[in-house]
């Protein structure tokens, strides 16, 4: 790992150091973090969160939802599936890294083989032959890595553009973005393709899950409180902290 970091460009080196520093900080916090399942709602920043939610809602109302609705009407499903497959394939190096940090060797092997298959005979990830070959998607992120290390959930936060999160998962988002192993293999002038694919995939998901998302954001008496509750339920269930099935499938889950 140290050899890889020292060979990076100065800009990449700074990003790598930042990501590693955040990881070390999180590991240090894990020493004193209670390993009990998070319960209830911890939202001491509700005033700020509601302000961010209002901004996100305006962005969704005037930009994201209209774009997603139109795209869902004119773009064929196979095209959206290809974009989603491509975006998911770009996330696999980060997923494998987190599998290893979590000491989950079987998922790491599954995702490594999945990356190899879909990147080759899957035409760079546009197709998903790996699933048909018994290598299903097994997603994870640095937020889950922190959970495995014993870092507590922290307070609920709503992030600009990104949406519902927690303090722990917010750190995970930053680390996954800054220290994405895929950047080591993608030329700098081609990275915009990955960014475009990921944004397009999110827009496609917004259109596909339009009724569910609209019911939460626009039809609820308190869209903020509803989104907060459903996010926490879904996230805790995915981390094995809750045995109750969430009725909400988060379309923006990584």
C-alpha atoms as a PDB file:
ATOM      1  CA  UNK A   1       0.000   0.000   0.000  1.00  0.00           C
ATOM      2  CA  UNK A   2       2.789   2.442   0.930  1.00  0.00           C
ATOM      3  CA  UNK A   3       4.591   1.745  -2.351  1.00  0.00           C
ATOM      4  CA  UNK A   4       1.437   2.509  -4.312  1.00  0.00           C
ATOM      5  CA  UNK A   5       0.885   5.796  -2.470  1.00  0.00           C
ATOM      6  CA  UNK A   6       4.462   6.996  -2.963  1.00  0.00           C
ATOM      7  CA  UNK A   7       4.242   6.446  -6.724  1.00  0.00           C
ATOM      8  CA  UNK A   8       1.160   8.642  -7.109  1.00  0.00           C
ATOM      9  CA  UNK A   9       1.264  12.166  -8.492  1.00  0.00           C
ATOM     10  CA  UNK A  10       1.381  14.977  -5.884  1.00  0.00           C
ATOM     11  CA  UNK A  11      -2.356  15.609  -6.271  1.00  0.00           C
ATOM     12  CA  UNK A  12      -3.221  11.929  -5.969  1.00  0.00           C
ATOM     13  CA  UNK A  13      -0.749  11.594  -3.119  1.00  0.00           C
ATOM     14  CA  UNK A  14      -2.588  14.278  -1.139  1.00  0.00           C
ATOM     15  CA  UNK A  15      -5.912  12.562  -1.768  1.00  0.00           C
ATOM     16  CA  UNK A  16      -4.524   9.216  -0.720  1.00  0.00           C
ATOM     17  CA  UNK A  17      -3.071  10.694   2.471  1.00  0.00           C
ATOM     18  CA  UNK A  18      -6.430  12.350   3.242  1.00  0.00           C
ATOM     19  CA  UNK A  19      -8.283   9.082   2.758  1.00  0.00           C
ATOM     20  CA  UNK A  20      -5.792   7.146   4.860  1.00  0.00           C
ATOM     21  CA  UNK A  21      -5.930   9.810   7.572  1.00  0.00           C
ATOM     22  CA  UNK A  22      -9.718   9.558   7.686  1.00  0.00           C
ATOM     23  CA  UNK A  23      -9.409   5.790   7.875  1.00  0.00           C
ATOM     24  CA  UNK A  24      -6.922   5.998  10.739  1.00  0.00           C
ATOM     25  CA  UNK A  25      -9.173   8.487  12.545  1.00  0.00           C
ATOM     26  CA  UNK A  26     -12.148   6.177  12.117  1.00  0.00           C
ATOM     27  CA  UNK A  27     -10.123   3.225  13.356  1.00  0.00           C
ATOM     28  CA  UNK A  28      -9.142   5.238  16.411  1.00  0.00           C
ATOM     29  CA  UNK A  29     -12.746   6.129  17.100  1.00  0.00           C
ATOM     30  CA  UNK A  30     -13.669   2.465  16.890  1.00  0.00           C
ATOM     31  CA  UNK A  31     -11.635   1.764  20.010  1.00  0.00           C
ATOM     32  CA  UNK A  32     -14.081   3.740  22.128  1.00  0.00           C
ATOM     33  CA  UNK A  33     -17.223   3.308  20.051  1.00  0.00           C
ATOM     34  CA  UNK A  34     -19.955   1.104  21.540  1.00  0.00           C
ATOM     35  CA  UNK A  35     -20.773  -1.891  19.374  1.00  0.00           C
ATOM     36  CA  UNK A  36     -24.481  -1.906  20.110  1.00  0.00           C
ATOM     37  CA  UNK A  37     -27.010  -1.550  17.311  1.00  0.00           C
ATOM     38  CA  UNK A  38     -28.145   1.994  16.630  1.00  0.00           C
ATOM     39  CA  UNK A  39     -31.719   2.665  17.667  1.00  0.00           C
ATOM     40  CA  UNK A  40     -34.134   5.537  17.380  1.00  0.00           C
ATOM     41  CA  UNK A  41     -33.310   8.815  15.675  1.00  0.00           C
ATOM     42  CA  UNK A  42     -30.279  10.909  16.585  1.00  0.00           C
ATOM     43  CA  UNK A  43     -30.739  14.210  14.773  1.00  0.00           C
ATOM     44  CA  UNK A  44     -29.138  17.084  16.739  1.00  0.00           C
ATOM     45  CA  UNK A  45     -28.575  19.012  13.494  1.00  0.00           C
ATOM     46  CA  UNK A  46     -32.200  18.914  12.388  1.00  0.00           C
ATOM     47  CA  UNK A  47     -32.397  22.645  11.662  1.00  0.00           C
ATOM     48  CA  UNK A  48     -29.423  22.540   9.299  1.00  0.00           C
ATOM     49  CA  UNK A  49     -30.560  19.213   7.867  1.00  0.00           C
ATOM     50  CA  UNK A  50     -34.002  20.575   7.062  1.00  0.00           C
ATOM     51  CA  UNK A  51     -32.427  23.549   5.300  1.00  0.00           C
ATOM     52  CA  UNK A  52     -30.307  21.170   3.205  1.00  0.00           C
ATOM     53  CA  UNK A  53     -33.381  19.019   2.560  1.00  0.00           C
ATOM     54  CA  UNK A  54     -35.238  22.075   1.260  1.00  0.00           C
ATOM     55  CA  UNK A  55     -32.402  22.811  -1.174  1.00  0.00           C
ATOM     56  CA  UNK A  56     -32.274  19.178  -2.300  1.00  0.00           C
ATOM     57  CA  UNK A  57     -36.043  19.209  -2.785  1.00  0.00           C
ATOM     58  CA  UNK A  58     -35.856  22.291  -5.002  1.00  0.00           C
ATOM     59  CA  UNK A  59     -33.106  20.674  -7.048  1.00  0.00           C
ATOM     60  CA  UNK A  60     -35.222  17.553  -7.435  1.00  0.00           C
ATOM     61  CA  UNK A  61     -38.358  19.537  -8.289  1.00  0.00           C
ATOM     62  CA  UNK A  62     -36.834  21.730 -10.985  1.00  0.00           C
ATOM     63  CA  UNK A  63     -33.969  19.641 -12.337  1.00  0.00           C
ATOM     64  CA  UNK A  64     -33.669  15.991 -11.359  1.00  0.00           C
ATOM     65  CA  UNK A  65     -37.288  14.819 -11.469  1.00  0.00           C
ATOM     66  CA  UNK A  66     -38.152  16.499 -14.813  1.00  0.00           C
ATOM     67  CA  UNK A  67     -34.933  15.192 -16.370  1.00  0.00           C
ATOM     68  CA  UNK A  68     -35.460  11.702 -14.970  1.00  0.00           C
ATOM     69  CA  UNK A  69     -39.098  11.612 -16.104  1.00  0.00           C
ATOM     70  CA  UNK A  70     -38.198  12.654 -19.638  1.00  0.00           C
ATOM     71  CA  UNK A  71     -35.242  10.297 -19.823  1.00  0.00           C
ATOM     72  CA  UNK A  72     -37.378   7.414 -18.590  1.00  0.00           C
ATOM     73  CA  UNK A  73     -39.806   8.046 -21.453  1.00  0.00           C
ATOM     74  CA  UNK A  74     -37.342   8.362 -24.314  1.00  0.00           C
ATOM     75  CA  UNK A  75     -34.380   6.183 -23.327  1.00  0.00           C
ATOM     76  CA  UNK A  76     -34.899   2.431 -23.929  1.00  0.00           C
ATOM     77  CA  UNK A  77     -34.562   0.157 -20.895  1.00  0.00           C
ATOM     78  CA  UNK A  78     -31.602  -1.772 -22.405  1.00  0.00           C
ATOM     79  CA  UNK A  79     -29.652   1.485 -22.622  1.00  0.00           C
ATOM     80  CA  UNK A  80     -30.318   2.306 -18.969  1.00  0.00           C
ATOM     81  CA  UNK A  81     -29.366  -1.242 -17.988  1.00  0.00           C
ATOM     82  CA  UNK A  82     -26.096  -0.868 -19.864  1.00  0.00           C
ATOM     83  CA  UNK A  83     -25.345   2.444 -18.158  1.00  0.00           C
ATOM     84  CA  UNK A  84     -26.162   0.955 -14.747  1.00  0.00           C
ATOM     85  CA  UNK A  85     -23.986  -2.073 -15.466  1.00  0.00           C
ATOM     86  CA  UNK A  86     -21.105   0.168 -16.534  1.00  0.00           C
ATOM     87  CA  UNK A  87     -21.430   2.349 -13.428  1.00  0.00           C
ATOM     88  CA  UNK A  88     -21.630  -0.698 -11.147  1.00  0.00           C
ATOM     89  CA  UNK A  89     -18.538  -2.164 -12.786  1.00  0.00           C
ATOM     90  CA  UNK A  90     -16.598   1.045 -12.104  1.00  0.00           C
ATOM     91  CA  UNK A  91     -17.512   0.732  -8.421  1.00  0.00           C
ATOM     92  CA  UNK A  92     -16.168  -2.821  -8.135  1.00  0.00           C
ATOM     93  CA  UNK A  93     -12.501  -1.936  -7.386  1.00  0.00           C
ATOM     94  CA  UNK A  94     -13.673   0.141  -4.415  1.00  0.00           C
ATOM     95  CA  UNK A  95     -16.021  -2.649  -3.381  1.00  0.00           C
ATOM     96  CA  UNK A  96     -13.194  -5.209  -3.444  1.00  0.00           C
ATOM     97  CA  UNK A  97     -10.992  -2.881  -1.387  1.00  0.00           C
ATOM     98  CA  UNK A  98     -13.716  -2.551   1.240  1.00  0.00           C
ATOM     99  CA  UNK A  99     -14.297  -6.315   1.238  1.00  0.00           C
ATOM    100  CA  UNK A 100     -10.619  -6.783   2.083  1.00  0.00           C
ATOM    101  CA  UNK A 101     -10.710  -4.081   4.774  1.00  0.00           C
ATOM    102  CA  UNK A 102     -13.666  -5.943   6.281  1.00  0.00           C
ATOM    103  CA  UNK A 103     -11.755  -9.257   6.067  1.00  0.00           C
ATOM    104  CA  UNK A 104     -14.531 -10.707   3.900  1.00  0.00           C
ATOM    105  CA  UNK A 105     -12.451 -12.847   1.586  1.00  0.00           C
ATOM    106  CA  UNK A 106     -15.270 -14.706  -0.153  1.00  0.00           C
ATOM    107  CA  UNK A 107     -17.109 -11.533  -1.261  1.00  0.00           C
ATOM    108  CA  UNK A 108     -13.730 -10.040  -2.261  1.00  0.00           C
ATOM    109  CA  UNK A 109     -13.049 -13.031  -4.508  1.00  0.00           C
ATOM    110  CA  UNK A 110     -16.596 -12.939  -5.896  1.00  0.00           C
ATOM    111  CA  UNK A 111     -16.329  -9.248  -6.754  1.00  0.00           C
ATOM    112  CA  UNK A 112     -12.815  -9.606  -8.197  1.00  0.00           C
ATOM    113  CA  UNK A 113     -14.003 -12.363 -10.520  1.00  0.00           C
ATOM    114  CA  UNK A 114     -17.107 -10.330 -11.311  1.00  0.00           C
ATOM    115  CA  UNK A 115     -14.913  -7.365 -12.288  1.00  0.00           C
ATOM    116  CA  UNK A 116     -12.726  -9.564 -14.497  1.00  0.00           C
ATOM    117  CA  UNK A 117     -15.676 -11.198 -16.273  1.00  0.00           C
ATOM    118  CA  UNK A 118     -17.751  -8.080 -16.846  1.00  0.00           C
ATOM    119  CA  UNK A 119     -14.739  -5.982 -17.878  1.00  0.00           C
ATOM    120  CA  UNK A 120     -13.763  -8.531 -20.523  1.00  0.00           C
ATOM    121  CA  UNK A 121     -16.599 -10.523 -22.055  1.00  0.00           C
ATOM    122  CA  UNK A 122     -19.059  -8.010 -20.626  1.00  0.00           C
ATOM    123  CA  UNK A 123     -17.624  -5.343 -22.964  1.00  0.00           C
ATOM    124  CA  UNK A 124     -16.172  -3.076 -20.324  1.00  0.00           C
ATOM    125  CA  UNK A 125     -19.070  -3.622 -17.971  1.00  0.00           C
ATOM    126  CA  UNK A 126     -21.920  -2.704 -20.320  1.00  0.00           C
ATOM    127  CA  UNK A 127     -23.207  -6.269 -19.998  1.00  0.00           C
ATOM    128  CA  UNK A 128     -23.482  -8.400 -16.872  1.00  0.00           C
ATOM    129  CA  UNK A 129     -22.595 -12.000 -17.774  1.00  0.00           C
ATOM    130  CA  UNK A 130     -21.067 -12.462 -14.307  1.00  0.00           C
ATOM    131  CA  UNK A 131     -24.488 -12.688 -12.641  1.00  0.00           C
ATOM    132  CA  UNK A 132     -25.545 -15.485 -15.011  1.00  0.00           C
ATOM    133  CA  UNK A 133     -22.273 -17.249 -14.193  1.00  0.00           C
ATOM    134  CA  UNK A 134     -23.070 -17.314 -10.478  1.00  0.00           C
ATOM    135  CA  UNK A 135     -21.181 -14.167  -9.506  1.00  0.00           C
ATOM    136  CA  UNK A 136     -23.946 -11.853  -8.247  1.00  0.00           C
ATOM    137  CA  UNK A 137     -23.388  -8.276  -7.153  1.00  0.00           C
ATOM    138  CA  UNK A 138     -22.346  -8.033  -3.496  1.00  0.00           C
ATOM    139  CA  UNK A 139     -22.155  -4.329  -2.717  1.00  0.00           C
ATOM    140  CA  UNK A 140     -20.460  -2.635   0.181  1.00  0.00           C
ATOM    141  CA  UNK A 141     -18.801   0.703   0.964  1.00  0.00           C
ATOM    142  CA  UNK A 142     -16.462   2.362   3.417  1.00  0.00           C
ATOM    143  CA  UNK A 143     -19.395   3.306   5.626  1.00  0.00           C
ATOM    144  CA  UNK A 144     -19.986  -0.411   6.154  1.00  0.00           C
ATOM    145  CA  UNK A 145     -16.260  -0.903   6.686  1.00  0.00           C
ATOM    146  CA  UNK A 146     -16.380   1.641   9.506  1.00  0.00           C
ATOM    147  CA  UNK A 147     -19.384  -0.205  10.941  1.00  0.00           C
ATOM    148  CA  UNK A 148     -17.421  -3.478  10.870  1.00  0.00           C
ATOM    149  CA  UNK A 149     -14.536  -1.742  12.622  1.00  0.00           C
ATOM    150  CA  UNK A 150     -16.887  -0.710  15.399  1.00  0.00           C
ATOM    151  CA  UNK A 151     -17.434   2.956  14.562  1.00  0.00           C
ATOM    152  CA  UNK A 152     -20.819   4.170  15.747  1.00  0.00           C
ATOM    153  CA  UNK A 153     -23.489   5.458  13.396  1.00  0.00           C
ATOM    154  CA  UNK A 154     -23.273   9.021  14.693  1.00  0.00           C
ATOM    155  CA  UNK A 155     -25.857  11.684  14.057  1.00  0.00           C
ATOM    156  CA  UNK A 156     -28.173  11.747  11.093  1.00  0.00           C
ATOM    157  CA  UNK A 157     -27.152  14.230   8.391  1.00  0.00           C
ATOM    158  CA  UNK A 158     -28.563  15.226   5.028  1.00  0.00           C
ATOM    159  CA  UNK A 159     -25.853  15.996   2.504  1.00  0.00           C
ATOM    160  CA  UNK A 160     -26.219  18.482  -0.369  1.00  0.00           C
ATOM    161  CA  UNK A 161     -27.075  16.654  -3.610  1.00  0.00           C
ATOM    162  CA  UNK A 162     -26.363  13.257  -2.007  1.00  0.00           C
ATOM    163  CA  UNK A 163     -29.314  13.180   0.387  1.00  0.00           C
ATOM    164  CA  UNK A 164     -29.852  11.180   3.608  1.00  0.00           C
ATOM    165  CA  UNK A 165     -26.779   9.889   5.429  1.00  0.00           C
ATOM    166  CA  UNK A 166     -25.160   9.623   8.854  1.00  0.00           C
ATOM    167  CA  UNK A 167     -21.881  10.995  10.142  1.00  0.00           C
ATOM    168  CA  UNK A 168     -20.257   7.595   9.723  1.00  0.00           C
ATOM    169  CA  UNK A 169     -21.597   7.101   6.213  1.00  0.00           C
ATOM    170  CA  UNK A 170     -20.666  10.661   5.238  1.00  0.00           C
ATOM    171  CA  UNK A 171     -17.028   9.862   6.051  1.00  0.00           C
ATOM    172  CA  UNK A 172     -17.451   6.693   4.009  1.00  0.00           C
ATOM    173  CA  UNK A 173     -18.701   8.660   1.014  1.00  0.00           C
ATOM    174  CA  UNK A 174     -15.658  10.946   1.145  1.00  0.00           C
ATOM    175  CA  UNK A 175     -13.167   8.088   1.469  1.00  0.00           C
ATOM    176  CA  UNK A 176     -14.771   6.058  -1.328  1.00  0.00           C
ATOM    177  CA  UNK A 177     -14.711   9.111  -3.617  1.00  0.00           C
ATOM    178  CA  UNK A 178     -11.174  10.294  -2.775  1.00  0.00           C
ATOM    179  CA  UNK A 179      -9.435   6.939  -2.639  1.00  0.00           C
ATOM    180  CA  UNK A 180     -11.218   5.087  -5.422  1.00  0.00           C
ATOM    181  CA  UNK A 181      -8.823   2.392  -6.726  1.00  0.00           C
ATOM    182  CA  UNK A 182     -10.420   2.652 -10.185  1.00  0.00           C
ATOM    183  CA  UNK A 183      -8.694   6.038 -10.611  1.00  0.00           C
ATOM    184  CA  UNK A 184      -5.336   4.255 -10.658  1.00  0.00           C
ATOM    185  CA  UNK A 185      -6.284   2.471 -13.890  1.00  0.00           C
ATOM    186  CA  UNK A 186      -8.402   5.054 -15.721  1.00  0.00           C
ATOM    187  CA  UNK A 187      -6.593   7.813 -17.648  1.00  0.00           C
ATOM    188  CA  UNK A 188      -7.347  11.257 -16.278  1.00  0.00           C
ATOM    189  CA  UNK A 189      -8.867  12.462 -19.542  1.00  0.00           C
ATOM    190  CA  UNK A 190     -11.293   9.511 -19.575  1.00  0.00           C
ATOM    191  CA  UNK A 191     -12.617   9.799 -16.014  1.00  0.00           C
ATOM    192  CA  UNK A 192     -15.478  12.032 -17.094  1.00  0.00           C
ATOM    193  CA  UNK A 193     -17.031   8.947 -18.698  1.00  0.00           C
ATOM    194  CA  UNK A 194     -17.253   7.255 -15.323  1.00  0.00           C
ATOM    195  CA  UNK A 195     -18.709  10.359 -13.693  1.00  0.00           C
ATOM    196  CA  UNK A 196     -21.236  10.707 -16.500  1.00  0.00           C
ATOM    197  CA  UNK A 197     -22.231   7.038 -16.223  1.00  0.00           C
ATOM    198  CA  UNK A 198     -22.744   7.259 -12.462  1.00  0.00           C
ATOM    199  CA  UNK A 199     -24.830  10.437 -12.738  1.00  0.00           C
ATOM    200  CA  UNK A 200     -26.862   8.947 -15.594  1.00  0.00           C
ATOM    201  CA  UNK A 201     -27.452   5.804 -13.549  1.00  0.00           C
ATOM    202  CA  UNK A 202     -28.757   7.885 -10.634  1.00  0.00           C
ATOM    203  CA  UNK A 203     -31.077   9.794 -12.962  1.00  0.00           C
ATOM    204  CA  UNK A 204     -32.303   6.508 -14.398  1.00  0.00           C
ATOM    205  CA  UNK A 205     -32.983   5.176 -10.907  1.00  0.00           C
ATOM    206  CA  UNK A 206     -34.870   8.381 -10.063  1.00  0.00           C
ATOM    207  CA  UNK A 207     -37.140   7.805 -13.026  1.00  0.00           C
ATOM    208  CA  UNK A 208     -37.560   4.089 -12.358  1.00  0.00           C
ATOM    209  CA  UNK A 209     -38.481   4.587  -8.706  1.00  0.00           C
ATOM    210  CA  UNK A 210     -40.410   7.797  -9.342  1.00  0.00           C
ATOM    211  CA  UNK A 211     -43.626   6.744  -7.596  1.00  0.00           C
ATOM    212  CA  UNK A 212     -41.816   5.593  -4.458  1.00  0.00           C
ATOM    213  CA  UNK A 213     -39.563   8.638  -4.211  1.00  0.00           C
ATOM    214  CA  UNK A 214     -42.407  11.058  -4.956  1.00  0.00           C
ATOM    215  CA  UNK A 215     -44.573   9.466  -2.282  1.00  0.00           C
ATOM    216  CA  UNK A 216     -41.839  10.092   0.283  1.00  0.00           C
ATOM    217  CA  UNK A 217     -40.729  13.552  -0.793  1.00  0.00           C
ATOM    218  CA  UNK A 218     -43.973  15.115  -1.964  1.00  0.00           C
ATOM    219  CA  UNK A 219     -46.934  13.128  -0.663  1.00  0.00           C
ATOM    220  CA  UNK A 220     -45.856  12.744   2.974  1.00  0.00           C
ATOM    221  CA  UNK A 221     -47.029  15.175   5.640  1.00  0.00           C
ATOM    222  CA  UNK A 222     -43.346  15.653   6.535  1.00  0.00           C
ATOM    223  CA  UNK A 223     -41.101  14.529   3.685  1.00  0.00           C
ATOM    224  CA  UNK A 224     -37.933  15.202   5.647  1.00  0.00           C
ATOM    225  CA  UNK A 225     -38.956  13.057   8.617  1.00  0.00           C
ATOM    226  CA  UNK A 226     -40.217  10.283   6.337  1.00  0.00           C
ATOM    227  CA  UNK A 227     -37.023  10.194   4.270  1.00  0.00           C
ATOM    228  CA  UNK A 228     -34.928  10.204   7.448  1.00  0.00           C
ATOM    229  CA  UNK A 229     -36.847   7.305   8.981  1.00  0.00           C
ATOM    230  CA  UNK A 230     -36.847   5.174   5.860  1.00  0.00           C
ATOM    231  CA  UNK A 231     -33.162   5.770   5.202  1.00  0.00           C
ATOM    232  CA  UNK A 232     -32.155   4.774   8.736  1.00  0.00           C
ATOM    233  CA  UNK A 233     -34.380   1.677   8.620  1.00  0.00           C
ATOM    234  CA  UNK A 234     -32.996   0.613   5.251  1.00  0.00           C
ATOM    235  CA  UNK A 235     -29.359   1.247   6.166  1.00  0.00           C
ATOM    236  CA  UNK A 236     -29.554  -0.479   9.534  1.00  0.00           C
ATOM    237  CA  UNK A 237     -31.242  -3.471   7.959  1.00  0.00           C
ATOM    238  CA  UNK A 238     -28.545  -3.719   5.268  1.00  0.00           C
ATOM    239  CA  UNK A 239     -25.887  -3.691   8.005  1.00  0.00           C
ATOM    240  CA  UNK A 240     -27.651  -6.448   9.913  1.00  0.00           C
ATOM    241  CA  UNK A 241     -28.662  -4.165  12.775  1.00  0.00           C
ATOM    242  CA  UNK A 242     -32.369  -4.748  12.299  1.00  0.00           C
ATOM    243  CA  UNK A 243     -34.347  -7.890  11.607  1.00  0.00           C
ATOM    244  CA  UNK A 244     -37.340  -5.934  10.344  1.00  0.00           C
ATOM    245  CA  UNK A 245     -37.609  -5.654   6.589  1.00  0.00           C
ATOM    246  CA  UNK A 246     -37.757  -2.061   5.382  1.00  0.00           C
ATOM    247  CA  UNK A 247     -40.588  -1.332   2.977  1.00  0.00           C
ATOM    248  CA  UNK A 248     -38.398   1.202   1.220  1.00  0.00           C
ATOM    249  CA  UNK A 249     -35.796   0.205  -1.352  1.00  0.00           C
ATOM    250  CA  UNK A 250     -33.307   3.031  -1.534  1.00  0.00           C
ATOM    251  CA  UNK A 251     -32.822   3.777  -5.248  1.00  0.00           C
ATOM    252  CA  UNK A 252     -29.662   5.719  -4.480  1.00  0.00           C
ATOM    253  CA  UNK A 253     -27.944   2.970  -2.501  1.00  0.00           C
ATOM    254  CA  UNK A 254     -24.362   2.280  -3.698  1.00  0.00           C
END
